[in-house]
Structure formats: structure tokens, C-alpha cells
Amino acid sequence: MRLIVLTVVAAAVIGSLAGGTFRDFPAVKIRGAWLALAGVVLQFIPVGGSAATALLYASFVALIAFGALNIRAPGFALILIGLALNAVVIVANTGMPVTGDALERSNQSATLADLVANGGAKHHLADESTILLPLGDVIPLGAPFDQAISVGDVCVQLGVAWFIVVAMPRRRPLALENEAAA
């Protein structure tokens, strides 16, 4: 969660330094925003077992549909690639595999015991049966993030940042603002 917050804040700062503003943001039309909201909400519904797996898959269907609807918007091709990479590894492994090394190096050692004991629909500890492991959560981010992420997550973060920077409308020079107001 901290990573997406930093991504949004950093993109907003970069967009502002490049002459953008949040007035009338986004300058690019977004379609099907409800799909993005539904996709995120589905991942936080507290159920277990096969229902949790079904909700996770439904979440990715909604998120990928949102990405596809907006494929022409800046950054959305990268977002869609990232979502697809994550969906492929999740479906192939019935959940996102995460390595013990990535958990330890991202300061999440306490999570390791729980994943070994309980697993989970969203994440589970990678083992010898894991396929497509390089697409799993194998990239450790230490403090202040304390998170293991995937190549797909990197693509999504970069796509979100790209969208924010480009979708910030550019400030008009003050002389033009005064003329428009007159």
C-alpha cells in the first residue's frame, strides 16, 4: 500500500514540476472507473478457500477490463501488461507465489510462518511446484515499504505514474489566465 501512495505522490510532484496542475484532473478521459474500484474491493473481501480464489480471479477480470477500456490513455498499456503478468502467475499457481528470501529481505519475516501454516488465496509461499516464479513476488523492497513485489507490480506502478504525469493538465501562463477571466 505504501508503494502506490509513494508512486502517486512522486508522479504528482513530477507532473507539477513539469507544469501540470490537478485542476481539471484528469485531462484524459477515463472509462469504466467502477471496474477499477470493484477490482480493488474484491481483493479485500475477507473470505477463505475457493471463494477467496474466485474473488481474486474476478478482481483481475475487472482490473484487466478497466485497463483494456482505457488502453489508449497514457500509461494504460503498461498497466495492462502488469495486470496480465500478475494474472498469469496467479492463475498458474492458484495465488501469487512469494519467496521466503523476498519476505525476509523486505522485513516481513513474521509473515513467513503464517504463509507456511495457512497459505492463502492471494499469496502463498513459493515451493518446488511453483511455476513462473520470476513473475511472482520476488523483488524485495525494504524500509519504508517492507513489501515484496512482482515484475507485474513494477509495470503497474510505472503505468500509474505515467498516467498521472501526462494526465495533469498544463497550467496556462498567467497572462492567458487573466485574458480568459476578462
N, C-alpha and C. Protein backbone atom coordinates (compact mmCIF):
# COMPACT_ATOMS: atom_id res chain seq x y z
N MET A 1 0.82 -1.20 0.00
CA MET A 1 0.00 0.00 0.00
C MET A 1 0.86 1.26 0.00
N ARG A 2 1.96 1.20 0.75
CA ARG A 2 2.84 2.38 0.81
C ARG A 2 3.45 2.68 -0.56
N LEU A 3 3.69 1.63 -1.34
CA LEU A 3 4.32 1.83 -2.65
C LEU A 3 3.41 2.61 -3.59
N ILE A 4 2.14 2.29 -3.64
CA ILE A 4 1.23 3.01 -4.54
C ILE A 4 1.07 4.46 -4.07
N VAL A 5 1.07 4.67 -2.76
CA VAL A 5 0.99 6.05 -2.25
C VAL A 5 2.22 6.84 -2.69
N LEU A 6 3.41 6.25 -2.54
CA LEU A 6 4.62 6.94 -2.99
C LEU A 6 4.60 7.17 -4.49
N THR A 7 4.12 6.20 -5.25
CA THR A 7 4.04 6.34 -6.71
C THR A 7 3.16 7.53 -7.08
N VAL A 8 2.00 7.62 -6.46
CA VAL A 8 1.07 8.71 -6.76
C VAL A 8 1.67 10.05 -6.35
N VAL A 9 2.25 10.12 -5.17
CA VAL A 9 2.83 11.38 -4.69
C VAL A 9 4.01 11.79 -5.58
N ALA A 10 4.89 10.85 -5.89
CA ALA A 10 6.05 11.17 -6.74
C ALA A 10 5.60 11.63 -8.13
N ALA A 11 4.60 10.95 -8.70
CA ALA A 11 4.10 11.34 -10.02
C ALA A 11 3.46 12.73 -9.96
N ALA A 12 2.74 13.02 -8.88
CA ALA A 12 2.12 14.33 -8.74
C ALA A 12 3.18 15.43 -8.65
N VAL A 13 4.25 15.16 -7.92
CA VAL A 13 5.33 16.15 -7.80
C VAL A 13 6.00 16.34 -9.17
N ILE A 14 6.30 15.24 -9.85
CA ILE A 14 6.94 15.34 -11.17
C ILE A 14 6.02 16.06 -12.15
N GLY A 15 4.74 15.71 -12.13
CA GLY A 15 3.78 16.39 -13.01
C GLY A 15 3.68 17.87 -12.71
N SER A 16 3.71 18.24 -11.43
CA SER A 16 3.66 19.66 -11.05
C SER A 16 4.92 20.39 -11.51
N LEU A 17 6.07 19.76 -11.31
CA LEU A 17 7.33 20.37 -11.75
C LEU A 17 7.38 20.53 -13.27
N ALA A 18 6.66 19.67 -13.97
CA ALA A 18 6.61 19.74 -15.44
C ALA A 18 5.53 20.72 -15.92
N GLY A 19 4.91 21.44 -14.98
CA GLY A 19 3.93 22.45 -15.36
C GLY A 19 2.50 21.98 -15.28
N GLY A 20 2.26 20.82 -14.68
CA GLY A 20 0.90 20.32 -14.58
C GLY A 20 0.19 20.81 -13.34
N THR A 21 -1.11 20.63 -13.34
CA THR A 21 -1.94 21.03 -12.20
C THR A 21 -3.02 19.97 -12.00
N PHE A 22 -3.58 19.93 -10.80
CA PHE A 22 -4.68 18.98 -10.55
C PHE A 22 -6.04 19.61 -10.82
N ARG A 23 -6.05 20.88 -11.23
CA ARG A 23 -7.31 21.48 -11.63
C ARG A 23 -7.74 20.79 -12.92
N ASP A 24 -8.95 20.30 -12.96
CA ASP A 24 -9.49 19.57 -14.12
C ASP A 24 -8.77 18.25 -14.39
N PHE A 25 -8.19 17.65 -13.34
CA PHE A 25 -7.55 16.33 -13.48
C PHE A 25 -8.62 15.25 -13.49
N PRO A 26 -8.51 14.23 -14.29
CA PRO A 26 -7.51 14.06 -15.33
C PRO A 26 -7.92 14.75 -16.62
N ALA A 27 -6.92 15.20 -17.35
CA ALA A 27 -7.17 15.84 -18.64
C ALA A 27 -7.50 14.78 -19.69
N VAL A 28 -7.28 13.53 -19.36
CA VAL A 28 -7.56 12.40 -20.24
C VAL A 28 -8.80 11.69 -19.71
N LYS A 29 -9.73 11.40 -20.59
CA LYS A 29 -10.97 10.74 -20.17
C LYS A 29 -10.69 9.29 -19.80
N ILE A 30 -11.23 8.88 -18.65
CA ILE A 30 -11.11 7.50 -18.17
C ILE A 30 -12.50 6.86 -18.22
N ARG A 31 -12.53 5.65 -18.75
CA ARG A 31 -13.80 4.93 -18.85
C ARG A 31 -13.81 3.76 -17.88
N GLY A 32 -15.00 3.46 -17.35
CA GLY A 32 -15.19 2.28 -16.52
C GLY A 32 -14.46 2.31 -15.20
N ALA A 33 -14.35 3.48 -14.58
CA ALA A 33 -13.64 3.59 -13.30
C ALA A 33 -14.23 2.65 -12.25
N TRP A 34 -15.51 2.36 -12.37
CA TRP A 34 -16.16 1.45 -11.42
C TRP A 34 -15.52 0.06 -11.48
N LEU A 35 -14.98 -0.33 -12.64
CA LEU A 35 -14.31 -1.63 -12.75
C LEU A 35 -13.04 -1.65 -11.90
N ALA A 36 -12.30 -0.56 -11.90
CA ALA A 36 -11.10 -0.48 -11.07
C ALA A 36 -11.46 -0.56 -9.60
N LEU A 37 -12.48 0.18 -9.21
CA LEU A 37 -12.93 0.16 -7.81
C LEU A 37 -13.38 -1.25 -7.42
N ALA A 38 -14.18 -1.87 -8.27
CA ALA A 38 -14.66 -3.23 -7.98
C ALA A 38 -13.48 -4.20 -7.88
N GLY A 39 -12.51 -4.08 -8.78
CA GLY A 39 -11.36 -4.96 -8.77
C GLY A 39 -10.56 -4.86 -7.48
N VAL A 40 -10.40 -3.65 -6.97
CA VAL A 40 -9.67 -3.46 -5.72
C VAL A 40 -10.49 -3.98 -4.54
N VAL A 41 -11.76 -3.63 -4.49
CA VAL A 41 -12.62 -4.05 -3.38
C VAL A 41 -12.69 -5.58 -3.29
N LEU A 42 -12.79 -6.25 -4.43
CA LEU A 42 -12.87 -7.72 -4.42
C LEU A 42 -11.68 -8.37 -3.74
N GLN A 43 -10.52 -7.72 -3.80
CA GLN A 43 -9.33 -8.30 -3.18
C GLN A 43 -9.31 -8.17 -1.67
N PHE A 44 -10.20 -7.36 -1.12
CA PHE A 44 -10.21 -7.14 0.33
C PHE A 44 -11.41 -7.75 1.04
N ILE A 45 -12.22 -8.50 0.32
CA ILE A 45 -13.36 -9.17 0.96
C ILE A 45 -12.81 -10.34 1.77
N PRO A 46 -13.09 -10.36 3.07
CA PRO A 46 -12.48 -11.37 3.95
C PRO A 46 -13.20 -12.73 3.90
N VAL A 47 -12.86 -13.53 2.89
CA VAL A 47 -13.37 -14.90 2.80
C VAL A 47 -12.17 -15.82 2.59
N GLY A 48 -12.38 -17.10 2.75
CA GLY A 48 -11.29 -18.05 2.58
C GLY A 48 -11.64 -19.11 1.55
N GLY A 49 -10.69 -19.99 1.34
CA GLY A 49 -10.90 -21.14 0.47
C GLY A 49 -11.13 -20.79 -0.98
N SER A 50 -11.96 -21.60 -1.63
CA SER A 50 -12.21 -21.42 -3.06
C SER A 50 -12.94 -20.11 -3.36
N ALA A 51 -13.71 -19.61 -2.40
CA ALA A 51 -14.39 -18.32 -2.60
C ALA A 51 -13.36 -17.20 -2.71
N ALA A 52 -12.32 -17.26 -1.92
CA ALA A 52 -11.27 -16.24 -1.97
C ALA A 52 -10.55 -16.28 -3.31
N THR A 53 -10.29 -17.49 -3.80
CA THR A 53 -9.63 -17.63 -5.11
C THR A 53 -10.53 -17.08 -6.21
N ALA A 54 -11.82 -17.40 -6.15
CA ALA A 54 -12.76 -16.92 -7.17
C ALA A 54 -12.83 -15.39 -7.14
N LEU A 55 -12.83 -14.79 -5.95
CA LEU A 55 -12.86 -13.33 -5.85
C LEU A 55 -11.58 -12.71 -6.39
N LEU A 56 -10.45 -13.37 -6.14
CA LEU A 56 -9.18 -12.86 -6.66
C LEU A 56 -9.19 -12.88 -8.19
N TYR A 57 -9.66 -13.97 -8.77
CA TYR A 57 -9.75 -14.06 -10.23
C TYR A 57 -10.72 -13.01 -10.77
N ALA A 58 -11.87 -12.86 -10.12
CA ALA A 58 -12.85 -11.86 -10.55
C ALA A 58 -12.26 -10.45 -10.47
N SER A 59 -11.44 -10.23 -9.45
CA SER A 59 -10.76 -8.95 -9.29
C SER A 59 -9.90 -8.64 -10.51
N PHE A 60 -9.14 -9.64 -10.94
CA PHE A 60 -8.27 -9.42 -12.10
C PHE A 60 -9.06 -9.28 -13.40
N VAL A 61 -10.18 -9.95 -13.51
CA VAL A 61 -11.05 -9.76 -14.68
C VAL A 61 -11.49 -8.30 -14.74
N ALA A 62 -11.95 -7.77 -13.60
CA ALA A 62 -12.41 -6.37 -13.55
C ALA A 62 -11.26 -5.40 -13.84
N LEU A 63 -10.10 -5.63 -13.23
CA LEU A 63 -8.97 -4.72 -13.43
C LEU A 63 -8.45 -4.76 -14.87
N ILE A 64 -8.39 -5.95 -15.45
CA ILE A 64 -7.93 -6.06 -16.84
C ILE A 64 -8.95 -5.44 -17.78
N ALA A 65 -10.23 -5.61 -17.49
CA ALA A 65 -11.26 -4.96 -18.32
C ALA A 65 -11.11 -3.44 -18.25
N PHE A 66 -10.85 -2.91 -17.05
CA PHE A 66 -10.62 -1.47 -16.88
C PHE A 66 -9.41 -1.02 -17.70
N GLY A 67 -8.33 -1.78 -17.62
CA GLY A 67 -7.14 -1.45 -18.40
C GLY A 67 -7.40 -1.48 -19.89
N ALA A 68 -8.14 -2.49 -20.34
CA ALA A 68 -8.44 -2.63 -21.77
C ALA A 68 -9.33 -1.49 -22.27
N LEU A 69 -10.29 -1.08 -21.45
CA LEU A 69 -11.17 0.03 -21.83
C LEU A 69 -10.39 1.34 -22.02
N ASN A 70 -9.28 1.45 -21.33
CA ASN A 70 -8.51 2.70 -21.33
C ASN A 70 -7.15 2.55 -21.99
N ILE A 71 -6.99 1.55 -22.83
CA ILE A 71 -5.70 1.22 -23.42
C ILE A 71 -5.06 2.40 -24.16
N ARG A 72 -5.87 3.31 -24.66
CA ARG A 72 -5.31 4.46 -25.40
C ARG A 72 -4.86 5.59 -24.49
N ALA A 73 -5.21 5.53 -23.21
CA ALA A 73 -4.79 6.56 -22.26
C ALA A 73 -3.32 6.34 -21.90
N PRO A 74 -2.60 7.42 -21.63
CA PRO A 74 -1.18 7.30 -21.30
C PRO A 74 -0.96 6.36 -20.11
N GLY A 75 0.00 5.46 -20.24
CA GLY A 75 0.36 4.56 -19.16
C GLY A 75 -0.46 3.29 -19.07
N PHE A 76 -1.62 3.26 -19.72
CA PHE A 76 -2.50 2.11 -19.54
C PHE A 76 -2.01 0.85 -20.24
N ALA A 77 -1.23 0.97 -21.29
CA ALA A 77 -0.66 -0.23 -21.90
C ALA A 77 0.27 -0.92 -20.89
N LEU A 78 1.06 -0.13 -20.19
CA LEU A 78 1.96 -0.67 -19.17
C LEU A 78 1.18 -1.24 -17.99
N ILE A 79 0.13 -0.54 -17.58
CA ILE A 79 -0.73 -1.06 -16.50
C ILE A 79 -1.33 -2.40 -16.91
N LEU A 80 -1.83 -2.47 -18.13
CA LEU A 80 -2.46 -3.70 -18.62
C LEU A 80 -1.45 -4.84 -18.70
N ILE A 81 -0.24 -4.56 -19.15
CA ILE A 81 0.81 -5.59 -19.19
C ILE A 81 1.09 -6.10 -17.78
N GLY A 82 1.22 -5.19 -16.83
CA GLY A 82 1.49 -5.58 -15.45
C GLY A 82 0.37 -6.42 -14.86
N LEU A 83 -0.87 -6.01 -15.10
CA LEU A 83 -2.01 -6.79 -14.60
C LEU A 83 -2.03 -8.18 -15.23
N ALA A 84 -1.74 -8.25 -16.53
CA ALA A 84 -1.75 -9.54 -17.23
C ALA A 84 -0.64 -10.44 -16.68
N LEU A 85 0.55 -9.89 -16.45
CA LEU A 85 1.64 -10.69 -15.88
C LEU A 85 1.25 -11.24 -14.51
N ASN A 86 0.66 -10.40 -13.68
CA ASN A 86 0.23 -10.85 -12.36
C ASN A 86 -0.87 -11.90 -12.47
N ALA A 87 -1.83 -11.68 -13.36
CA ALA A 87 -2.93 -12.64 -13.51
C ALA A 87 -2.40 -13.99 -13.97
N VAL A 88 -1.46 -14.01 -14.90
CA VAL A 88 -0.92 -15.27 -15.41
C VAL A 88 -0.27 -16.08 -14.29
N VAL A 89 0.58 -15.44 -13.49
CA VAL A 89 1.26 -16.18 -12.43
C VAL A 89 0.28 -16.59 -11.33
N ILE A 90 -0.71 -15.76 -11.06
CA ILE A 90 -1.71 -16.10 -10.03
C ILE A 90 -2.56 -17.28 -10.47
N VAL A 91 -3.03 -17.27 -11.70
CA VAL A 91 -3.85 -18.39 -12.19
C VAL A 91 -3.01 -19.66 -12.27
N ALA A 92 -1.79 -19.54 -12.74
CA ALA A 92 -0.92 -20.72 -12.88
C ALA A 92 -0.61 -21.38 -11.55
N ASN A 93 -0.62 -20.59 -10.47
CA ASN A 93 -0.24 -21.11 -9.16
C ASN A 93 -1.38 -21.05 -8.13
N THR A 94 -2.58 -20.73 -8.57
CA THR A 94 -3.73 -20.56 -7.69
C THR A 94 -3.40 -19.60 -6.55
N GLY A 95 -2.80 -18.49 -6.91
CA GLY A 95 -2.41 -17.45 -5.96
C GLY A 95 -1.02 -16.94 -6.32
N MET A 96 -0.66 -15.82 -5.77
CA MET A 96 0.65 -15.20 -6.06
C MET A 96 1.73 -15.85 -5.21
N PRO A 97 2.71 -16.49 -5.86
CA PRO A 97 3.82 -17.05 -5.08
C PRO A 97 4.77 -15.94 -4.62
N VAL A 98 5.25 -16.09 -3.41
CA VAL A 98 6.23 -15.15 -2.86
C VAL A 98 7.35 -15.98 -2.27
N THR A 99 8.58 -15.56 -2.49
CA THR A 99 9.71 -16.34 -1.97
C THR A 99 10.01 -15.94 -0.53
N GLY A 100 10.52 -16.93 0.21
CA GLY A 100 10.94 -16.67 1.58
C GLY A 100 12.03 -15.61 1.63
N ASP A 101 12.94 -15.66 0.66
CA ASP A 101 14.02 -14.68 0.59
C ASP A 101 13.46 -13.26 0.42
N ALA A 102 12.47 -13.10 -0.47
CA ALA A 102 11.88 -11.77 -0.69
C ALA A 102 11.18 -11.28 0.57
N LEU A 103 10.52 -12.19 1.28
CA LEU A 103 9.86 -11.80 2.54
C LEU A 103 10.88 -11.36 3.58
N GLU A 104 11.95 -12.13 3.73
CA GLU A 104 12.97 -11.78 4.72
C GLU A 104 13.66 -10.47 4.37
N ARG A 105 14.00 -10.29 3.09
CA ARG A 105 14.72 -9.08 2.67
C ARG A 105 13.82 -7.85 2.63
N SER A 106 12.49 -8.05 2.69
CA SER A 106 11.57 -6.91 2.74
C SER A 106 11.00 -6.73 4.15
N ASN A 107 11.72 -7.28 5.13
CA ASN A 107 11.36 -7.11 6.55
C ASN A 107 9.99 -7.68 6.89
N GLN A 108 9.63 -8.79 6.26
CA GLN A 108 8.34 -9.42 6.53
C GLN A 108 8.51 -10.86 7.04
N SER A 109 9.56 -11.10 7.80
CA SER A 109 9.82 -12.44 8.31
C SER A 109 8.65 -12.98 9.11
N ALA A 110 7.93 -12.11 9.81
CA ALA A 110 6.79 -12.56 10.62
C ALA A 110 5.69 -13.16 9.74
N THR A 111 5.59 -12.71 8.51
CA THR A 111 4.58 -13.21 7.57
C THR A 111 4.92 -14.62 7.10
N LEU A 112 6.18 -14.95 7.11
CA LEU A 112 6.65 -16.24 6.60
C LEU A 112 5.99 -17.42 7.30
N ALA A 113 5.95 -17.40 8.63
CA ALA A 113 5.34 -18.50 9.38
C ALA A 113 3.87 -18.65 9.04
N ASP A 114 3.16 -17.54 8.91
CA ASP A 114 1.74 -17.60 8.58
C ASP A 114 1.52 -18.18 7.18
N LEU A 115 2.35 -17.78 6.22
CA LEU A 115 2.21 -18.32 4.86
C LEU A 115 2.50 -19.82 4.82
N VAL A 116 3.48 -20.26 5.60
CA VAL A 116 3.80 -21.69 5.65
C VAL A 116 2.63 -22.45 6.25
N ALA A 117 2.07 -21.94 7.33
CA ALA A 117 0.99 -22.63 8.04
C ALA A 117 -0.34 -22.55 7.30
N ASN A 118 -0.67 -21.41 6.75
CA ASN A 118 -2.01 -21.19 6.22
C ASN A 118 -2.09 -20.95 4.72
N GLY A 119 -0.99 -20.52 4.11
CA GLY A 119 -1.07 -20.15 2.71
C GLY A 119 -2.09 -19.05 2.54
N GLY A 120 -2.75 -19.02 1.43
CA GLY A 120 -3.77 -18.02 1.21
C GLY A 120 -4.10 -17.93 -0.25
N ALA A 121 -5.26 -17.41 -0.55
CA ALA A 121 -5.68 -17.29 -1.95
C ALA A 121 -4.85 -16.24 -2.66
N LYS A 122 -4.56 -15.15 -1.96
CA LYS A 122 -3.86 -14.06 -2.62
C LYS A 122 -2.36 -14.33 -2.72
N HIS A 123 -1.75 -14.80 -1.65
CA HIS A 123 -0.32 -15.09 -1.63
C HIS A 123 -0.09 -16.46 -1.00
N HIS A 124 0.96 -17.11 -1.43
CA HIS A 124 1.43 -18.32 -0.76
C HIS A 124 2.93 -18.44 -0.97
N LEU A 125 3.55 -19.17 -0.06
CA LEU A 125 4.99 -19.33 -0.12
C LEU A 125 5.36 -20.20 -1.32
N ALA A 126 6.27 -19.71 -2.14
CA ALA A 126 6.73 -20.46 -3.30
C ALA A 126 7.45 -21.73 -2.84
N ASP A 127 7.26 -22.80 -3.61
CA ASP A 127 7.95 -24.06 -3.33
C ASP A 127 8.36 -24.69 -4.66
N GLU A 128 8.78 -25.95 -4.62
CA GLU A 128 9.27 -26.61 -5.83
C GLU A 128 8.20 -26.81 -6.88
N SER A 129 6.92 -26.73 -6.51
CA SER A 129 5.86 -26.89 -7.50
C SER A 129 5.45 -25.56 -8.15
N THR A 130 6.00 -24.47 -7.69
CA THR A 130 5.67 -23.15 -8.23
C THR A 130 6.16 -23.04 -9.67
N ILE A 131 5.29 -22.53 -10.52
CA ILE A 131 5.70 -22.28 -11.91
C ILE A 131 5.67 -20.77 -12.17
N LEU A 132 6.46 -20.35 -13.12
CA LEU A 132 6.58 -18.93 -13.49
C LEU A 132 7.03 -18.06 -12.31
N LEU A 133 7.88 -18.62 -11.46
CA LEU A 133 8.33 -17.90 -10.26
C LEU A 133 8.91 -16.52 -10.55
N PRO A 134 9.66 -16.31 -11.64
CA PRO A 134 10.18 -14.95 -11.89
C PRO A 134 9.07 -13.90 -12.00
N LEU A 135 7.83 -14.32 -12.27
CA LEU A 135 6.71 -13.37 -12.33
C LEU A 135 6.04 -13.18 -10.97
N GLY A 136 6.46 -13.94 -9.97
CA GLY A 136 5.87 -13.84 -8.64
C GLY A 136 6.43 -12.67 -7.86
N ASP A 137 6.06 -12.61 -6.59
CA ASP A 137 6.56 -11.56 -5.70
C ASP A 137 7.96 -11.95 -5.24
N VAL A 138 8.95 -11.60 -6.05
CA VAL A 138 10.34 -11.98 -5.79
C VAL A 138 11.26 -10.78 -5.64
N ILE A 139 10.71 -9.58 -5.76
CA ILE A 139 11.51 -8.35 -5.67
C ILE A 139 11.28 -7.74 -4.28
N PRO A 140 12.29 -7.80 -3.41
CA PRO A 140 12.09 -7.26 -2.05
C PRO A 140 12.31 -5.75 -2.01
N LEU A 141 11.40 -5.07 -1.35
CA LEU A 141 11.57 -3.65 -1.07
C LEU A 141 11.62 -3.51 0.45
N GLY A 142 12.73 -3.03 0.94
CA GLY A 142 12.87 -2.85 2.38
C GLY A 142 12.17 -1.58 2.86
N ALA A 143 12.63 -1.09 4.00
CA ALA A 143 12.02 0.10 4.59
C ALA A 143 12.12 1.26 3.60
N PRO A 144 11.15 2.09 3.50
CA PRO A 144 9.94 2.18 4.32
C PRO A 144 8.77 1.36 3.77
N PHE A 145 8.99 0.61 2.70
CA PHE A 145 7.87 -0.11 2.06
C PHE A 145 7.58 -1.45 2.72
N ASP A 146 8.64 -2.20 3.02
CA ASP A 146 8.50 -3.53 3.61
C ASP A 146 7.49 -4.36 2.83
N GLN A 147 7.82 -4.58 1.58
CA GLN A 147 6.90 -5.25 0.67
C GLN A 147 7.69 -6.04 -0.36
N ALA A 148 7.17 -7.21 -0.73
CA ALA A 148 7.73 -7.97 -1.84
C ALA A 148 6.82 -7.74 -3.03
N ILE A 149 7.39 -7.41 -4.19
CA ILE A 149 6.58 -7.10 -5.36
C ILE A 149 7.02 -7.94 -6.55
N SER A 150 6.23 -7.89 -7.60
CA SER A 150 6.49 -8.65 -8.82
C SER A 150 6.85 -7.70 -9.96
N VAL A 151 7.32 -8.29 -11.05
CA VAL A 151 7.57 -7.52 -12.27
C VAL A 151 6.27 -6.86 -12.73
N GLY A 152 5.16 -7.58 -12.60
CA GLY A 152 3.86 -7.01 -12.96
C GLY A 152 3.54 -5.79 -12.12
N ASP A 153 3.85 -5.85 -10.82
CA ASP A 153 3.62 -4.69 -9.95
C ASP A 153 4.45 -3.49 -10.40
N VAL A 154 5.70 -3.75 -10.80
CA VAL A 154 6.56 -2.66 -11.29
C VAL A 154 5.92 -2.01 -12.51
N CYS A 155 5.42 -2.83 -13.44
CA CYS A 155 4.77 -2.29 -14.64
C CYS A 155 3.55 -1.45 -14.27
N VAL A 156 2.73 -1.96 -13.35
CA VAL A 156 1.53 -1.22 -12.93
C VAL A 156 1.93 0.12 -12.31
N GLN A 157 2.92 0.11 -11.41
CA GLN A 157 3.34 1.35 -10.74
C GLN A 157 3.84 2.37 -11.76
N LEU A 158 4.68 1.91 -12.70
CA LEU A 158 5.19 2.83 -13.72
C LEU A 158 4.08 3.36 -14.61
N GLY A 159 3.11 2.51 -14.94
CA GLY A 159 1.97 2.94 -15.75
C GLY A 159 1.12 3.97 -15.04
N VAL A 160 0.89 3.75 -13.75
CA VAL A 160 0.11 4.72 -12.95
C VAL A 160 0.84 6.06 -12.91
N ALA A 161 2.14 6.01 -12.67
CA ALA A 161 2.92 7.26 -12.62
C ALA A 161 2.87 7.97 -13.97
N TRP A 162 3.04 7.25 -15.04
CA TRP A 162 3.00 7.82 -16.39
C TRP A 162 1.65 8.48 -16.62
N PHE A 163 0.58 7.78 -16.27
CA PHE A 163 -0.75 8.35 -16.46
C PHE A 163 -0.91 9.66 -15.69
N ILE A 164 -0.53 9.67 -14.42
CA ILE A 164 -0.72 10.87 -13.60
C ILE A 164 0.05 12.05 -14.18
N VAL A 165 1.30 11.84 -14.53
CA VAL A 165 2.12 12.94 -15.05
C VAL A 165 1.52 13.49 -16.34
N VAL A 166 1.14 12.61 -17.25
CA VAL A 166 0.63 13.06 -18.55
C VAL A 166 -0.79 13.60 -18.45
N ALA A 167 -1.59 13.05 -17.54
CA ALA A 167 -3.00 13.46 -17.44
C ALA A 167 -3.21 14.73 -16.62
N MET A 168 -2.14 15.27 -16.08
CA MET A 168 -2.25 16.55 -15.37
C MET A 168 -2.30 17.66 -16.41
N PRO A 169 -3.42 18.41 -16.47
CA PRO A 169 -3.47 19.49 -17.46
C PRO A 169 -2.37 20.51 -17.18
N ARG A 170 -1.84 21.08 -18.22
CA ARG A 170 -0.77 22.07 -18.10
C ARG A 170 -1.34 23.41 -17.68
N ARG A 171 -0.60 24.08 -16.82
CA ARG A 171 -1.02 25.42 -16.39
C ARG A 171 -0.89 26.38 -17.56
N ARG A 172 -1.87 27.25 -17.66
CA ARG A 172 -1.76 28.31 -18.67
C ARG A 172 -0.94 29.43 -18.08
N PRO A 173 -0.16 30.12 -18.91
CA PRO A 173 0.59 31.28 -18.41
C PRO A 173 -0.38 32.30 -17.79
N LEU A 174 0.08 33.02 -16.80
CA LEU A 174 -0.75 33.96 -16.06
C LEU A 174 -1.43 34.96 -17.00
N ALA A 175 -0.75 35.42 -18.02
CA ALA A 175 -1.35 36.39 -18.95
C ALA A 175 -2.56 35.77 -19.63
N LEU A 176 -2.51 34.50 -20.01
CA LEU A 176 -3.64 33.83 -20.64
C LEU A 176 -4.77 33.62 -19.64
N GLU A 177 -4.45 33.34 -18.37
CA GLU A 177 -5.46 33.19 -17.34
C GLU A 177 -6.24 34.50 -17.18
N ASN A 178 -5.51 35.63 -17.15
CA ASN A 178 -6.18 36.92 -16.99
C ASN A 178 -7.06 37.25 -18.20
N GLU A 179 -6.58 36.91 -19.40
CA GLU A 179 -7.39 37.15 -20.61
C GLU A 179 -8.65 36.30 -20.60
N ALA A 180 -8.53 35.06 -20.16
CA ALA A 180 -9.68 34.15 -20.13
C ALA A 180 -10.71 34.62 -19.12
N ALA A 181 -10.24 35.19 -18.01
CA ALA A 181 -11.16 35.67 -16.97
C ALA A 181 -11.87 36.94 -17.39
N ALA A 182 -11.28 37.71 -18.29
CA ALA A 182 -11.85 39.00 -18.70
C ALA A 182 -12.98 38.86 -19.67
